[in-house]
Amino acid sequence: MARLLDISRNTVSHHLSRVETTLGPDLADVRIRAALDLAFCLAGGQPDAGFGAVRGRPEPTLDELFRTEPAHAWAREFLRPLQDTRGRDLYATLCAWIDANTDAQRTARHLGLSRNAVRVHLRAAEHLLSRDLLTTGSGIHDLVHALHITGLHPAD
């Protein structure tokens, strides 16, 4: 990020620390980063541009949005390629990897696999999902959201 903004890494670190202090959550947590990314996308970068403010309704929570049938349909479709993995349980690896905050070593210990096996599973999942999972960005965020949504019950 420092290179992209043409500022020092220390400056970026300082700004992120201030954001973390202001917002409260741990920005090192992949789930928090994914939720914040989605919130910024939904708001269009404008604090008062959320659709609740525009339509005069209370703004729904993230879980309320995730409980909708369109969200469930998207999550099911997103994760569908993981169903045919020729004996590898990529879904379990991905869940454990997200639970381990994207730490391959902790994931490996939890699953009783080698770290290299975890990375092979992640590379296979990247290919199947057509998303970059091993670098910070929207691929990981999409995965976090899809796994979270599929763990929720759709609204009645």
N, C-alpha and C. Protein backbone atom coordinates (compact mmCIF):
# COMPACT_ATOMS: atom_id res chain seq x y z
N MET A 1 0.82 -1.17 0.00
CA MET A 1 0.00 0.00 0.00
C MET A 1 0.88 1.25 0.00
N ALA A 2 1.97 1.22 0.75
CA ALA A 2 2.86 2.37 0.82
C ALA A 2 3.36 2.75 -0.57
N ARG A 3 3.74 1.77 -1.35
CA ARG A 3 4.25 2.03 -2.70
C ARG A 3 3.15 2.63 -3.57
N LEU A 4 1.93 2.09 -3.44
CA LEU A 4 0.80 2.58 -4.22
C LEU A 4 0.50 4.05 -3.90
N LEU A 5 0.57 4.42 -2.62
CA LEU A 5 0.28 5.79 -2.20
C LEU A 5 1.50 6.71 -2.24
N ASP A 6 2.66 6.11 -2.50
CA ASP A 6 3.93 6.84 -2.54
C ASP A 6 4.20 7.55 -1.21
N ILE A 7 4.00 6.79 -0.12
CA ILE A 7 4.33 7.26 1.23
C ILE A 7 5.06 6.13 1.95
N SER A 8 5.64 6.43 3.08
CA SER A 8 6.42 5.42 3.79
C SER A 8 5.52 4.37 4.44
N ARG A 9 6.07 3.19 4.66
CA ARG A 9 5.32 2.13 5.35
C ARG A 9 4.97 2.56 6.76
N ASN A 10 5.86 3.30 7.42
CA ASN A 10 5.57 3.79 8.77
C ASN A 10 4.35 4.71 8.78
N THR A 11 4.23 5.56 7.76
CA THR A 11 3.08 6.45 7.67
C THR A 11 1.79 5.64 7.47
N VAL A 12 1.83 4.65 6.59
CA VAL A 12 0.67 3.78 6.38
C VAL A 12 0.31 3.08 7.67
N SER A 13 1.31 2.53 8.35
CA SER A 13 1.08 1.85 9.61
C SER A 13 0.46 2.77 10.65
N HIS A 14 0.95 3.99 10.71
CA HIS A 14 0.41 4.97 11.66
C HIS A 14 -1.06 5.28 11.35
N HIS A 15 -1.37 5.51 10.07
CA HIS A 15 -2.75 5.81 9.68
C HIS A 15 -3.67 4.62 9.97
N LEU A 16 -3.21 3.42 9.68
CA LEU A 16 -4.03 2.24 9.96
C LEU A 16 -4.25 2.05 11.46
N SER A 17 -3.24 2.37 12.23
CA SER A 17 -3.37 2.29 13.68
C SER A 17 -4.42 3.28 14.18
N ARG A 18 -4.42 4.48 13.62
CA ARG A 18 -5.43 5.49 14.00
C ARG A 18 -6.83 5.04 13.60
N VAL A 19 -6.97 4.45 12.42
CA VAL A 19 -8.27 3.94 11.98
C VAL A 19 -8.74 2.84 12.93
N GLU A 20 -7.84 1.93 13.26
CA GLU A 20 -8.18 0.82 14.16
C GLU A 20 -8.61 1.35 15.53
N THR A 21 -7.91 2.35 16.04
CA THR A 21 -8.26 2.94 17.33
C THR A 21 -9.62 3.62 17.26
N THR A 22 -9.89 4.30 16.15
CA THR A 22 -11.16 5.00 15.99
C THR A 22 -12.33 4.03 15.84
N LEU A 23 -12.16 3.00 15.00
CA LEU A 23 -13.24 2.07 14.74
C LEU A 23 -13.40 1.02 15.83
N GLY A 24 -12.32 0.66 16.48
CA GLY A 24 -12.39 -0.31 17.56
C GLY A 24 -12.00 -1.73 17.19
N PRO A 25 -12.40 -2.27 16.03
CA PRO A 25 -12.09 -3.66 15.74
C PRO A 25 -10.62 -3.89 15.37
N ASP A 26 -10.21 -5.14 15.45
CA ASP A 26 -8.85 -5.55 15.12
C ASP A 26 -8.71 -5.70 13.61
N LEU A 27 -8.03 -4.78 12.96
CA LEU A 27 -7.90 -4.81 11.51
C LEU A 27 -6.99 -5.93 11.02
N ALA A 28 -6.35 -6.63 11.93
CA ALA A 28 -5.55 -7.79 11.54
C ALA A 28 -6.45 -9.00 11.29
N ASP A 29 -7.71 -8.94 11.72
CA ASP A 29 -8.65 -10.04 11.55
C ASP A 29 -9.26 -9.98 10.15
N VAL A 30 -9.11 -11.05 9.39
CA VAL A 30 -9.58 -11.09 8.00
C VAL A 30 -11.08 -10.86 7.92
N ARG A 31 -11.84 -11.32 8.89
CA ARG A 31 -13.29 -11.12 8.86
C ARG A 31 -13.65 -9.64 9.03
N ILE A 32 -12.93 -8.95 9.89
CA ILE A 32 -13.16 -7.51 10.10
C ILE A 32 -12.83 -6.74 8.83
N ARG A 33 -11.69 -7.06 8.22
CA ARG A 33 -11.31 -6.37 6.98
C ARG A 33 -12.34 -6.62 5.88
N ALA A 34 -12.85 -7.84 5.77
CA ALA A 34 -13.85 -8.16 4.75
C ALA A 34 -15.14 -7.38 5.00
N ALA A 35 -15.57 -7.30 6.25
CA ALA A 35 -16.80 -6.56 6.58
C ALA A 35 -16.63 -5.07 6.28
N LEU A 36 -15.48 -4.50 6.64
CA LEU A 36 -15.24 -3.09 6.36
C LEU A 36 -15.19 -2.81 4.86
N ASP A 37 -14.55 -3.70 4.11
CA ASP A 37 -14.49 -3.54 2.66
C ASP A 37 -15.89 -3.54 2.07
N LEU A 38 -16.73 -4.47 2.51
CA LEU A 38 -18.09 -4.53 2.01
C LEU A 38 -18.88 -3.29 2.41
N ALA A 39 -18.72 -2.84 3.64
CA ALA A 39 -19.43 -1.64 4.10
C ALA A 39 -19.07 -0.44 3.24
N PHE A 40 -17.78 -0.28 2.94
CA PHE A 40 -17.36 0.84 2.09
C PHE A 40 -17.93 0.70 0.68
N CYS A 41 -17.97 -0.51 0.16
CA CYS A 41 -18.54 -0.73 -1.18
C CYS A 41 -20.03 -0.40 -1.20
N LEU A 42 -20.75 -0.85 -0.18
CA LEU A 42 -22.20 -0.60 -0.12
C LEU A 42 -22.51 0.88 0.04
N ALA A 43 -21.67 1.58 0.78
CA ALA A 43 -21.90 3.01 1.02
C ALA A 43 -21.37 3.86 -0.13
N GLY A 44 -20.70 3.24 -1.07
CA GLY A 44 -20.15 3.99 -2.20
C GLY A 44 -19.10 4.99 -1.77
N GLY A 45 -18.44 4.71 -0.63
CA GLY A 45 -17.41 5.61 -0.14
C GLY A 45 -17.96 6.83 0.59
N GLN A 46 -19.28 6.98 0.64
CA GLN A 46 -19.89 8.12 1.30
C GLN A 46 -20.55 7.68 2.60
N PRO A 47 -20.24 8.29 3.72
CA PRO A 47 -20.78 7.86 5.00
C PRO A 47 -22.31 7.86 5.04
N ASP A 48 -22.98 8.80 4.36
CA ASP A 48 -24.44 8.88 4.42
C ASP A 48 -25.11 8.37 3.15
N ALA A 49 -24.37 7.63 2.33
CA ALA A 49 -24.93 7.19 1.05
C ALA A 49 -25.52 5.79 1.11
N GLY A 50 -25.61 5.18 2.28
CA GLY A 50 -26.21 3.86 2.40
C GLY A 50 -27.65 3.88 1.97
N PHE A 51 -28.18 2.76 1.49
CA PHE A 51 -29.52 2.77 0.93
C PHE A 51 -30.59 3.03 1.97
N GLY A 52 -30.35 2.78 3.25
CA GLY A 52 -31.34 3.09 4.29
C GLY A 52 -31.57 4.59 4.38
N ALA A 53 -30.50 5.35 4.26
CA ALA A 53 -30.61 6.80 4.35
C ALA A 53 -31.36 7.35 3.15
N VAL A 54 -31.18 6.74 1.99
CA VAL A 54 -31.82 7.23 0.78
C VAL A 54 -33.31 6.93 0.79
N ARG A 55 -33.70 5.77 1.23
CA ARG A 55 -35.10 5.35 1.18
C ARG A 55 -35.87 5.67 2.46
N GLY A 56 -35.23 6.24 3.45
CA GLY A 56 -35.92 6.60 4.67
C GLY A 56 -36.20 5.44 5.60
N ARG A 57 -35.62 4.29 5.34
CA ARG A 57 -35.79 3.12 6.20
C ARG A 57 -34.58 2.95 7.07
N PRO A 58 -34.74 2.24 8.20
CA PRO A 58 -33.54 1.94 8.99
C PRO A 58 -32.58 1.10 8.16
N GLU A 59 -31.31 1.36 8.33
CA GLU A 59 -30.32 0.60 7.57
C GLU A 59 -30.20 -0.80 8.15
N PRO A 60 -30.24 -1.82 7.28
CA PRO A 60 -30.14 -3.19 7.76
C PRO A 60 -28.72 -3.50 8.24
N THR A 61 -28.62 -4.46 9.13
CA THR A 61 -27.31 -4.92 9.56
C THR A 61 -26.72 -5.81 8.48
N LEU A 62 -25.44 -6.06 8.58
CA LEU A 62 -24.78 -6.94 7.62
C LEU A 62 -25.39 -8.33 7.66
N ASP A 63 -25.66 -8.85 8.85
CA ASP A 63 -26.28 -10.18 8.93
C ASP A 63 -27.67 -10.18 8.32
N GLU A 64 -28.42 -9.11 8.45
CA GLU A 64 -29.75 -9.04 7.81
C GLU A 64 -29.60 -9.09 6.30
N LEU A 65 -28.62 -8.39 5.76
CA LEU A 65 -28.38 -8.45 4.32
C LEU A 65 -27.95 -9.85 3.90
N PHE A 66 -27.10 -10.46 4.72
CA PHE A 66 -26.60 -11.80 4.40
C PHE A 66 -27.67 -12.87 4.49
N ARG A 67 -28.74 -12.63 5.22
CA ARG A 67 -29.80 -13.62 5.37
C ARG A 67 -30.79 -13.62 4.21
N THR A 68 -30.64 -12.73 3.27
CA THR A 68 -31.56 -12.65 2.14
C THR A 68 -31.30 -13.78 1.16
N GLU A 69 -32.34 -14.14 0.42
CA GLU A 69 -32.19 -15.22 -0.56
C GLU A 69 -31.19 -14.87 -1.66
N PRO A 70 -31.15 -13.63 -2.18
CA PRO A 70 -30.11 -13.32 -3.18
C PRO A 70 -28.69 -13.53 -2.65
N ALA A 71 -28.45 -13.18 -1.39
CA ALA A 71 -27.13 -13.40 -0.81
C ALA A 71 -26.82 -14.88 -0.73
N HIS A 72 -27.80 -15.69 -0.31
CA HIS A 72 -27.60 -17.14 -0.23
C HIS A 72 -27.37 -17.74 -1.61
N ALA A 73 -28.12 -17.27 -2.60
CA ALA A 73 -27.93 -17.77 -3.97
C ALA A 73 -26.52 -17.46 -4.46
N TRP A 74 -26.05 -16.23 -4.20
CA TRP A 74 -24.69 -15.86 -4.61
C TRP A 74 -23.66 -16.75 -3.91
N ALA A 75 -23.80 -16.94 -2.59
CA ALA A 75 -22.82 -17.72 -1.83
C ALA A 75 -22.79 -19.17 -2.31
N ARG A 76 -23.96 -19.75 -2.53
CA ARG A 76 -24.01 -21.14 -3.03
C ARG A 76 -23.32 -21.25 -4.39
N GLU A 77 -23.59 -20.31 -5.27
CA GLU A 77 -22.98 -20.32 -6.60
C GLU A 77 -21.47 -20.09 -6.51
N PHE A 78 -21.05 -19.20 -5.65
CA PHE A 78 -19.62 -18.91 -5.47
C PHE A 78 -18.87 -20.16 -5.00
N LEU A 79 -19.45 -20.89 -4.04
CA LEU A 79 -18.77 -22.06 -3.45
C LEU A 79 -19.00 -23.36 -4.24
N ARG A 80 -19.90 -23.36 -5.20
CA ARG A 80 -20.24 -24.57 -5.96
C ARG A 80 -19.02 -25.28 -6.57
N PRO A 81 -18.04 -24.56 -7.12
CA PRO A 81 -16.89 -25.26 -7.71
C PRO A 81 -16.11 -26.13 -6.72
N LEU A 82 -16.27 -25.90 -5.44
CA LEU A 82 -15.54 -26.68 -4.44
C LEU A 82 -16.13 -28.07 -4.23
N GLN A 83 -17.30 -28.35 -4.83
CA GLN A 83 -17.96 -29.63 -4.62
C GLN A 83 -17.22 -30.79 -5.29
N ASP A 84 -16.64 -30.57 -6.45
CA ASP A 84 -15.93 -31.63 -7.17
C ASP A 84 -14.43 -31.41 -7.03
N THR A 85 -13.86 -31.95 -5.95
CA THR A 85 -12.44 -31.70 -5.69
C THR A 85 -11.61 -32.98 -5.66
N ARG A 86 -12.14 -34.06 -6.18
CA ARG A 86 -11.40 -35.33 -6.31
C ARG A 86 -10.78 -35.79 -5.00
N GLY A 87 -11.59 -35.83 -3.95
CA GLY A 87 -11.11 -36.39 -2.69
C GLY A 87 -10.48 -35.40 -1.73
N ARG A 88 -10.11 -34.21 -2.22
CA ARG A 88 -9.55 -33.20 -1.33
C ARG A 88 -10.69 -32.39 -0.74
N ASP A 89 -10.67 -32.22 0.56
CA ASP A 89 -11.72 -31.42 1.19
C ASP A 89 -11.28 -29.96 1.25
N LEU A 90 -11.39 -29.30 0.11
CA LEU A 90 -10.96 -27.91 0.03
C LEU A 90 -11.85 -27.02 0.89
N TYR A 91 -13.13 -27.35 0.98
CA TYR A 91 -14.05 -26.56 1.79
C TYR A 91 -13.59 -26.54 3.24
N ALA A 92 -13.25 -27.71 3.79
CA ALA A 92 -12.77 -27.78 5.18
C ALA A 92 -11.47 -27.01 5.34
N THR A 93 -10.59 -27.10 4.36
CA THR A 93 -9.33 -26.36 4.42
C THR A 93 -9.60 -24.86 4.43
N LEU A 94 -10.49 -24.40 3.57
CA LEU A 94 -10.80 -22.97 3.51
C LEU A 94 -11.44 -22.48 4.79
N CYS A 95 -12.36 -23.25 5.35
CA CYS A 95 -12.99 -22.85 6.62
C CYS A 95 -11.94 -22.76 7.73
N ALA A 96 -11.08 -23.76 7.81
CA ALA A 96 -10.03 -23.77 8.84
C ALA A 96 -9.05 -22.62 8.62
N TRP A 97 -8.76 -22.32 7.36
CA TRP A 97 -7.82 -21.25 7.03
C TRP A 97 -8.38 -19.89 7.44
N ILE A 98 -9.65 -19.66 7.18
CA ILE A 98 -10.29 -18.41 7.60
C ILE A 98 -10.36 -18.36 9.13
N ASP A 99 -10.71 -19.49 9.76
CA ASP A 99 -10.75 -19.54 11.24
C ASP A 99 -9.37 -19.25 11.84
N ALA A 100 -8.32 -19.62 11.12
CA ALA A 100 -6.94 -19.36 11.58
C ALA A 100 -6.44 -17.99 11.12
N ASN A 101 -7.37 -17.15 10.67
CA ASN A 101 -7.04 -15.80 10.20
C ASN A 101 -6.00 -15.83 9.07
N THR A 102 -6.19 -16.75 8.15
CA THR A 102 -5.36 -16.96 6.95
C THR A 102 -3.92 -17.34 7.27
N ASP A 103 -3.70 -17.99 8.40
CA ASP A 103 -2.37 -18.47 8.79
C ASP A 103 -2.25 -19.93 8.38
N ALA A 104 -1.44 -20.21 7.37
CA ALA A 104 -1.32 -21.56 6.83
C ALA A 104 -0.74 -22.55 7.85
N GLN A 105 0.19 -22.09 8.67
CA GLN A 105 0.81 -22.98 9.66
C GLN A 105 -0.22 -23.41 10.71
N ARG A 106 -1.00 -22.45 11.23
CA ARG A 106 -2.06 -22.80 12.20
C ARG A 106 -3.11 -23.69 11.57
N THR A 107 -3.45 -23.43 10.31
CA THR A 107 -4.41 -24.27 9.59
C THR A 107 -3.88 -25.69 9.48
N ALA A 108 -2.63 -25.82 9.12
CA ALA A 108 -2.00 -27.14 8.98
C ALA A 108 -2.05 -27.91 10.29
N ARG A 109 -1.69 -27.25 11.39
CA ARG A 109 -1.74 -27.92 12.70
C ARG A 109 -3.15 -28.36 13.02
N HIS A 110 -4.13 -27.50 12.78
CA HIS A 110 -5.53 -27.81 13.09
C HIS A 110 -6.04 -29.01 12.28
N LEU A 111 -5.65 -29.07 11.01
CA LEU A 111 -6.15 -30.12 10.13
C LEU A 111 -5.28 -31.38 10.12
N GLY A 112 -4.10 -31.30 10.75
CA GLY A 112 -3.19 -32.44 10.73
C GLY A 112 -2.55 -32.65 9.37
N LEU A 113 -2.33 -31.56 8.66
CA LEU A 113 -1.69 -31.59 7.35
C LEU A 113 -0.37 -30.84 7.42
N SER A 114 0.42 -30.97 6.37
CA SER A 114 1.63 -30.15 6.28
C SER A 114 1.24 -28.77 5.79
N ARG A 115 2.08 -27.80 6.06
CA ARG A 115 1.81 -26.45 5.57
C ARG A 115 1.78 -26.43 4.04
N ASN A 116 2.64 -27.25 3.43
CA ASN A 116 2.65 -27.33 1.96
C ASN A 116 1.34 -27.89 1.43
N ALA A 117 0.76 -28.86 2.12
CA ALA A 117 -0.53 -29.44 1.69
C ALA A 117 -1.62 -28.37 1.77
N VAL A 118 -1.59 -27.57 2.82
CA VAL A 118 -2.56 -26.48 2.95
C VAL A 118 -2.41 -25.52 1.78
N ARG A 119 -1.17 -25.16 1.44
CA ARG A 119 -0.95 -24.23 0.34
C ARG A 119 -1.38 -24.83 -1.00
N VAL A 120 -1.19 -26.14 -1.17
CA VAL A 120 -1.66 -26.81 -2.39
C VAL A 120 -3.19 -26.72 -2.46
N HIS A 121 -3.86 -26.95 -1.33
CA HIS A 121 -5.32 -26.85 -1.29
C HIS A 121 -5.76 -25.42 -1.61
N LEU A 122 -5.06 -24.43 -1.06
CA LEU A 122 -5.42 -23.04 -1.32
C LEU A 122 -5.23 -22.69 -2.79
N ARG A 123 -4.15 -23.16 -3.38
CA ARG A 123 -3.92 -22.90 -4.82
C ARG A 123 -5.01 -23.57 -5.67
N ALA A 124 -5.40 -24.79 -5.30
CA ALA A 124 -6.47 -25.48 -6.02
C ALA A 124 -7.79 -24.71 -5.88
N ALA A 125 -8.07 -24.22 -4.68
CA ALA A 125 -9.29 -23.45 -4.45
C ALA A 125 -9.25 -22.14 -5.24
N GLU A 126 -8.09 -21.50 -5.31
CA GLU A 126 -7.95 -20.28 -6.11
C GLU A 126 -8.35 -20.56 -7.55
N HIS A 127 -7.86 -21.65 -8.08
CA HIS A 127 -8.15 -22.00 -9.46
C HIS A 127 -9.65 -22.26 -9.65
N LEU A 128 -10.25 -23.05 -8.75
CA LEU A 128 -11.67 -23.39 -8.87
C LEU A 128 -12.58 -22.18 -8.68
N LEU A 129 -12.23 -21.31 -7.76
CA LEU A 129 -13.07 -20.14 -7.46
C LEU A 129 -12.75 -18.94 -8.35
N SER A 130 -11.67 -19.04 -9.11
CA SER A 130 -11.21 -17.93 -9.96
C SER A 130 -10.99 -16.66 -9.14
N ARG A 131 -10.36 -16.84 -7.97
CA ARG A 131 -10.07 -15.72 -7.07
C ARG A 131 -8.65 -15.88 -6.53
N ASP A 132 -7.99 -14.77 -6.31
CA ASP A 132 -6.68 -14.76 -5.67
C ASP A 132 -6.92 -14.79 -4.17
N LEU A 133 -6.50 -15.86 -3.51
CA LEU A 133 -6.72 -16.01 -2.07
C LEU A 133 -5.47 -15.77 -1.25
N LEU A 134 -4.32 -15.84 -1.86
CA LEU A 134 -3.08 -15.78 -1.10
C LEU A 134 -2.49 -14.38 -0.98
N THR A 135 -3.17 -13.40 -1.54
CA THR A 135 -2.77 -12.01 -1.32
C THR A 135 -4.00 -11.29 -0.77
N THR A 136 -3.75 -10.23 -0.04
CA THR A 136 -4.84 -9.47 0.55
C THR A 136 -5.70 -8.88 -0.56
N GLY A 137 -6.99 -9.00 -0.41
CA GLY A 137 -7.86 -8.39 -1.40
C GLY A 137 -9.23 -9.01 -1.45
N SER A 138 -9.95 -8.67 -2.51
CA SER A 138 -11.36 -9.04 -2.59
C SER A 138 -11.59 -10.54 -2.72
N GLY A 139 -10.63 -11.30 -3.21
CA GLY A 139 -10.81 -12.76 -3.29
C GLY A 139 -11.03 -13.36 -1.92
N ILE A 140 -10.23 -12.95 -0.97
CA ILE A 140 -10.38 -13.42 0.41
C ILE A 140 -11.69 -12.90 0.98
N HIS A 141 -12.02 -11.65 0.71
CA HIS A 141 -13.25 -11.07 1.23
C HIS A 141 -14.47 -11.82 0.70
N ASP A 142 -14.47 -12.13 -0.59
CA ASP A 142 -15.58 -12.89 -1.16
C ASP A 142 -15.72 -14.24 -0.46
N LEU A 143 -14.60 -14.90 -0.23
CA LEU A 143 -14.61 -16.19 0.45
C LEU A 143 -15.16 -16.06 1.87
N VAL A 144 -14.69 -15.07 2.61
CA VAL A 144 -15.17 -14.84 3.98
C VAL A 144 -16.69 -14.66 3.97
N HIS A 145 -17.18 -13.83 3.08
CA HIS A 145 -18.61 -13.55 3.03
C HIS A 145 -19.41 -14.80 2.62
N ALA A 146 -18.94 -15.52 1.61
CA ALA A 146 -19.66 -16.72 1.16
C ALA A 146 -19.72 -17.77 2.27
N LEU A 147 -18.63 -17.99 2.98
CA LEU A 147 -18.64 -18.96 4.07
C LEU A 147 -19.55 -18.50 5.20
N HIS A 148 -19.54 -17.21 5.50
CA HIS A 148 -20.41 -16.68 6.55
C HIS A 148 -21.89 -16.84 6.15
N ILE A 149 -22.20 -16.47 4.92
CA ILE A 149 -23.59 -16.52 4.44
C ILE A 149 -24.11 -17.95 4.47
N THR A 150 -23.31 -18.90 4.02
CA THR A 150 -23.78 -20.29 3.98
C THR A 150 -23.96 -20.86 5.39
N GLY A 151 -23.37 -20.22 6.38
CA GLY A 151 -23.57 -20.65 7.77
C GLY A 151 -24.80 -20.04 8.41
N LEU A 152 -25.45 -19.10 7.72
CA LEU A 152 -26.67 -18.46 8.22
C LEU A 152 -27.89 -19.15 7.63
N HIS A 153 -29.00 -19.02 8.29
CA HIS A 153 -30.26 -19.54 7.75
C HIS A 153 -30.93 -18.43 6.94
N PRO A 154 -31.43 -18.77 5.73
CA PRO A 154 -32.09 -17.73 4.93
C PRO A 154 -33.31 -17.18 5.65
N ALA A 155 -33.62 -15.93 5.36
CA ALA A 155 -34.80 -15.30 5.97
C ALA A 155 -36.05 -16.01 5.48
N ASP A 156 -37.04 -16.09 6.37
CA ASP A 156 -38.31 -16.75 6.00
C ASP A 156 -39.22 -15.81 5.26
